[in-house]
Amino acid sequence: MSKTRELIISPKVPQGQLTKFLLQLQDEKIKTVYLDPKKIDQKKLN
């Protein structure tokens, strides 16, 4: 049985490192991130 958990964080990474940080979250199987879409480069995340 799998438990769903929610983790709320405030990343302390510079704006230029945010895409790399989000890719690391994907690697860790984090499926949902609430964030201002203007702050990320969608092309790099797909």
PDB file of N, CA and C in Angstrom:
ATOM      1  N   MET A   1       0.835  -1.175   0.000  1.00  0.00           N
ATOM      2  CA  MET A   1       0.000   0.000   0.000  1.00  0.00           C
ATOM      3  C   MET A   1       0.885   1.245   0.000  1.00  0.00           C
ATOM      4  N   SER A   2       0.556   2.168  -0.845  1.00  0.00           N
ATOM      5  CA  SER A   2       1.335   3.395  -0.997  1.00  0.00           C
ATOM      6  C   SER A   2       0.625   4.556  -0.310  1.00  0.00           C
ATOM      7  N   LYS A   3       1.370   5.351   0.424  1.00  0.00           N
ATOM      8  CA  LYS A   3       0.810   6.520   1.080  1.00  0.00           C
ATOM      9  C   LYS A   3       1.147   7.754   0.262  1.00  0.00           C
ATOM     10  N   THR A   4       0.190   8.645   0.151  1.00  0.00           N
ATOM     11  CA  THR A   4       0.425   9.918  -0.515  1.00  0.00           C
ATOM     12  C   THR A   4       0.829  10.934   0.542  1.00  0.00           C
ATOM     13  N   ARG A   5       1.925  11.621   0.264  1.00  0.00           N
ATOM     14  CA  ARG A   5       2.394  12.633   1.203  1.00  0.00           C
ATOM     15  C   ARG A   5       2.548  13.947   0.470  1.00  0.00           C
ATOM     16  N   GLU A   6       2.444  15.030   1.201  1.00  0.00           N
ATOM     17  CA  GLU A   6       2.611  16.359   0.643  1.00  0.00           C
ATOM     18  C   GLU A   6       3.737  17.042   1.395  1.00  0.00           C
ATOM     19  N   LEU A   7       4.646  17.610   0.645  1.00  0.00           N
ATOM     20  CA  LEU A   7       5.782  18.305   1.226  1.00  0.00           C
ATOM     21  C   LEU A   7       5.802  19.718   0.666  1.00  0.00           C
ATOM     22  N   ILE A   8       5.809  20.691   1.528  1.00  0.00           N
ATOM     23  CA  ILE A   8       5.852  22.093   1.097  1.00  0.00           C
ATOM     24  C   ILE A   8       7.235  22.626   1.416  1.00  0.00           C
ATOM     25  N   ILE A   9       7.899  23.126   0.375  1.00  0.00           N
ATOM     26  CA  ILE A   9       9.252  23.653   0.546  1.00  0.00           C
ATOM     27  C   ILE A   9       9.364  25.022  -0.107  1.00  0.00           C
ATOM     28  N   SER A  10      10.340  25.744   0.312  1.00  0.00           N
ATOM     29  CA  SER A  10      10.696  27.013  -0.317  1.00  0.00           C
ATOM     30  C   SER A  10      12.154  26.894  -0.734  1.00  0.00           C
ATOM     31  N   PRO A  11      12.397  26.555  -2.008  1.00  0.00           N
ATOM     32  CA  PRO A  11      13.777  26.335  -2.438  1.00  0.00           C
ATOM     33  C   PRO A  11      14.616  27.599  -2.320  1.00  0.00           C
ATOM     34  N   LYS A  12      15.833  27.408  -1.885  1.00  0.00           N
ATOM     35  CA  LYS A  12      16.758  28.526  -1.717  1.00  0.00           C
ATOM     36  C   LYS A  12      17.827  28.507  -2.820  1.00  0.00           C
ATOM     37  N   VAL A  13      17.393  28.151  -4.033  1.00  0.00           N
ATOM     38  CA  VAL A  13      18.314  28.106  -5.164  1.00  0.00           C
ATOM     39  C   VAL A  13      18.134  29.375  -5.988  1.00  0.00           C
ATOM     40  N   PRO A  14      19.209  29.836  -6.624  1.00  0.00           N
ATOM     41  CA  PRO A  14      19.082  31.008  -7.495  1.00  0.00           C
ATOM     42  C   PRO A  14      18.152  30.722  -8.676  1.00  0.00           C
ATOM     43  N   GLN A  15      17.572  31.756  -9.233  1.00  0.00           N
ATOM     44  CA  GLN A  15      16.645  31.612 -10.355  1.00  0.00           C
ATOM     45  C   GLN A  15      17.258  30.785 -11.485  1.00  0.00           C
ATOM     46  N   GLY A  16      18.534  30.956 -11.766  1.00  0.00           N
ATOM     47  CA  GLY A  16      19.197  30.235 -12.840  1.00  0.00           C
ATOM     48  C   GLY A  16      19.346  28.749 -12.571  1.00  0.00           C
ATOM     49  N   GLN A  17      19.224  28.319 -11.328  1.00  0.00           N
ATOM     50  CA  GLN A  17      19.362  26.910 -10.958  1.00  0.00           C
ATOM     51  C   GLN A  17      18.018  26.230 -10.721  1.00  0.00           C
ATOM     52  N   LEU A  18      16.930  26.969 -10.880  1.00  0.00           N
ATOM     53  CA  LEU A  18      15.609  26.429 -10.569  1.00  0.00           C
ATOM     54  C   LEU A  18      15.243  25.252 -11.473  1.00  0.00           C
ATOM     55  N   THR A  19      15.551  25.329 -12.763  1.00  0.00           N
ATOM     56  CA  THR A  19      15.236  24.228 -13.672  1.00  0.00           C
ATOM     57  C   THR A  19      15.968  22.957 -13.261  1.00  0.00           C
ATOM     58  N   LYS A  20      17.237  23.083 -12.913  1.00  0.00           N
ATOM     59  CA  LYS A  20      18.017  21.918 -12.467  1.00  0.00           C
ATOM     60  C   LYS A  20      17.399  21.328 -11.191  1.00  0.00           C
ATOM     61  N   PHE A  21      16.996  22.176 -10.288  1.00  0.00           N
ATOM     62  CA  PHE A  21      16.369  21.733  -9.047  1.00  0.00           C
ATOM     63  C   PHE A  21      15.080  20.957  -9.341  1.00  0.00           C
ATOM     64  N   LEU A  22      14.264  21.470 -10.253  1.00  0.00           N
ATOM     65  CA  LEU A  22      13.015  20.797 -10.593  1.00  0.00           C
ATOM     66  C   LEU A  22      13.265  19.457 -11.276  1.00  0.00           C
ATOM     67  N   LEU A  23      14.303  19.376 -12.086  1.00  0.00           N
ATOM     68  CA  LEU A  23      14.655  18.105 -12.717  1.00  0.00           C
ATOM     69  C   LEU A  23      15.086  17.084 -11.660  1.00  0.00           C
ATOM     70  N   GLN A  24      15.763  17.544 -10.628  1.00  0.00           N
ATOM     71  CA  GLN A  24      16.155  16.649  -9.540  1.00  0.00           C
ATOM     72  C   GLN A  24      14.917  16.146  -8.792  1.00  0.00           C
ATOM     73  N   LEU A  25      13.924  16.998  -8.642  1.00  0.00           N
ATOM     74  CA  LEU A  25      12.670  16.554  -8.016  1.00  0.00           C
ATOM     75  C   LEU A  25      12.003  15.474  -8.861  1.00  0.00           C
ATOM     76  N   GLN A  26      12.018  15.653 -10.182  1.00  0.00           N
ATOM     77  CA  GLN A  26      11.453  14.634 -11.066  1.00  0.00           C
ATOM     78  C   GLN A  26      12.179  13.308 -10.884  1.00  0.00           C
ATOM     79  N   ASP A  27      13.488  13.358 -10.768  1.00  0.00           N
ATOM     80  CA  ASP A  27      14.273  12.141 -10.559  1.00  0.00           C
ATOM     81  C   ASP A  27      13.879  11.435  -9.264  1.00  0.00           C
ATOM     82  N   GLU A  28      13.453  12.201  -8.286  1.00  0.00           N
ATOM     83  CA  GLU A  28      13.039  11.644  -6.994  1.00  0.00           C
ATOM     84  C   GLU A  28      11.558  11.248  -6.980  1.00  0.00           C
ATOM     85  N   LYS A  29      10.931  11.266  -8.160  1.00  0.00           N
ATOM     86  CA  LYS A  29       9.524  10.859  -8.322  1.00  0.00           C
ATOM     87  C   LYS A  29       8.535  11.823  -7.671  1.00  0.00           C
ATOM     88  N   ILE A  30       8.931  13.084  -7.538  1.00  0.00           N
ATOM     89  CA  ILE A  30       8.000  14.118  -7.069  1.00  0.00           C
ATOM     90  C   ILE A  30       7.116  14.463  -8.255  1.00  0.00           C
ATOM     91  N   LYS A  31       5.814  14.298  -8.103  1.00  0.00           N
ATOM     92  CA  LYS A  31       4.913  14.441  -9.237  1.00  0.00           C
ATOM     93  C   LYS A  31       4.221  15.796  -9.319  1.00  0.00           C
ATOM     94  N   THR A  32       4.074  16.483  -8.214  1.00  0.00           N
ATOM     95  CA  THR A  32       3.337  17.739  -8.200  1.00  0.00           C
ATOM     96  C   THR A  32       4.164  18.834  -7.544  1.00  0.00           C
ATOM     97  N   VAL A  33       4.262  19.954  -8.242  1.00  0.00           N
ATOM     98  CA  VAL A  33       4.974  21.118  -7.705  1.00  0.00           C
ATOM     99  C   VAL A  33       4.094  22.343  -7.969  1.00  0.00           C
ATOM    100  N   TYR A  34       3.826  23.106  -6.939  1.00  0.00           N
ATOM    101  CA  TYR A  34       3.072  24.348  -7.082  1.00  0.00           C
ATOM    102  C   TYR A  34       4.072  25.484  -7.165  1.00  0.00           C
ATOM    103  N   LEU A  35       4.035  26.210  -8.286  1.00  0.00           N
ATOM    104  CA  LEU A  35       5.052  27.213  -8.516  1.00  0.00           C
ATOM    105  C   LEU A  35       4.576  28.180  -9.580  1.00  0.00           C
ATOM    106  N   ASP A  36       5.058  29.383  -9.552  1.00  0.00           N
ATOM    107  CA  ASP A  36       4.727  30.385 -10.560  1.00  0.00           C
ATOM    108  C   ASP A  36       5.279  29.918 -11.909  1.00  0.00           C
ATOM    109  N   PRO A  37       4.425  29.624 -12.886  1.00  0.00           N
ATOM    110  CA  PRO A  37       4.898  29.100 -14.168  1.00  0.00           C
ATOM    111  C   PRO A  37       5.813  30.051 -14.923  1.00  0.00           C
ATOM    112  N   LYS A  38       5.770  31.321 -14.608  1.00  0.00           N
ATOM    113  CA  LYS A  38       6.644  32.295 -15.265  1.00  0.00           C
ATOM    114  C   LYS A  38       8.104  32.109 -14.866  1.00  0.00           C
ATOM    115  N   LYS A  39       8.342  31.389 -13.777  1.00  0.00           N
ATOM    116  CA  LYS A  39       9.696  31.235 -13.259  1.00  0.00           C
ATOM    117  C   LYS A  39      10.445  30.039 -13.833  1.00  0.00           C
ATOM    118  N   ILE A  40       9.765  29.215 -14.640  1.00  0.00           N
ATOM    119  CA  ILE A  40      10.445  28.023 -15.152  1.00  0.00           C
ATOM    120  C   ILE A  40      10.453  28.014 -16.675  1.00  0.00           C
ATOM    121  N   ASP A  41      11.399  27.286 -17.230  1.00  0.00           N
ATOM    122  CA  ASP A  41      11.505  27.101 -18.663  1.00  0.00           C
ATOM    123  C   ASP A  41      10.902  25.739 -18.993  1.00  0.00           C
ATOM    124  N   GLN A  42       9.672  25.734 -19.467  1.00  0.00           N
ATOM    125  CA  GLN A  42       8.943  24.486 -19.742  1.00  0.00           C
ATOM    126  C   GLN A  42       9.690  23.587 -20.727  1.00  0.00           C
ATOM    127  N   LYS A  43      10.376  24.173 -21.699  1.00  0.00           N
ATOM    128  CA  LYS A  43      11.076  23.376 -22.717  1.00  0.00           C
ATOM    129  C   LYS A  43      12.157  22.500 -22.100  1.00  0.00           C
ATOM    130  N   LYS A  44      12.805  22.961 -21.067  1.00  0.00           N
ATOM    131  CA  LYS A  44      13.875  22.195 -20.439  1.00  0.00           C
ATOM    132  C   LYS A  44      13.363  21.074 -19.555  1.00  0.00           C
ATOM    133  N   LEU A  45      12.102  21.164 -19.133  1.00  0.00           N
ATOM    134  CA  LEU A  45      11.550  20.162 -18.222  1.00  0.00           C
ATOM    135  C   LEU A  45      10.899  18.997 -18.942  1.00  0.00           C
ATOM    136  N   ASN A  46      10.631  19.131 -20.211  1.00  0.00           N
ATOM    137  CA  ASN A  46       9.956  18.039 -20.954  1.00  0.00           C
ATOM    138  C   ASN A  46      10.934  17.099 -21.571  1.00  0.00           C
TER     139      ASN A  46
END
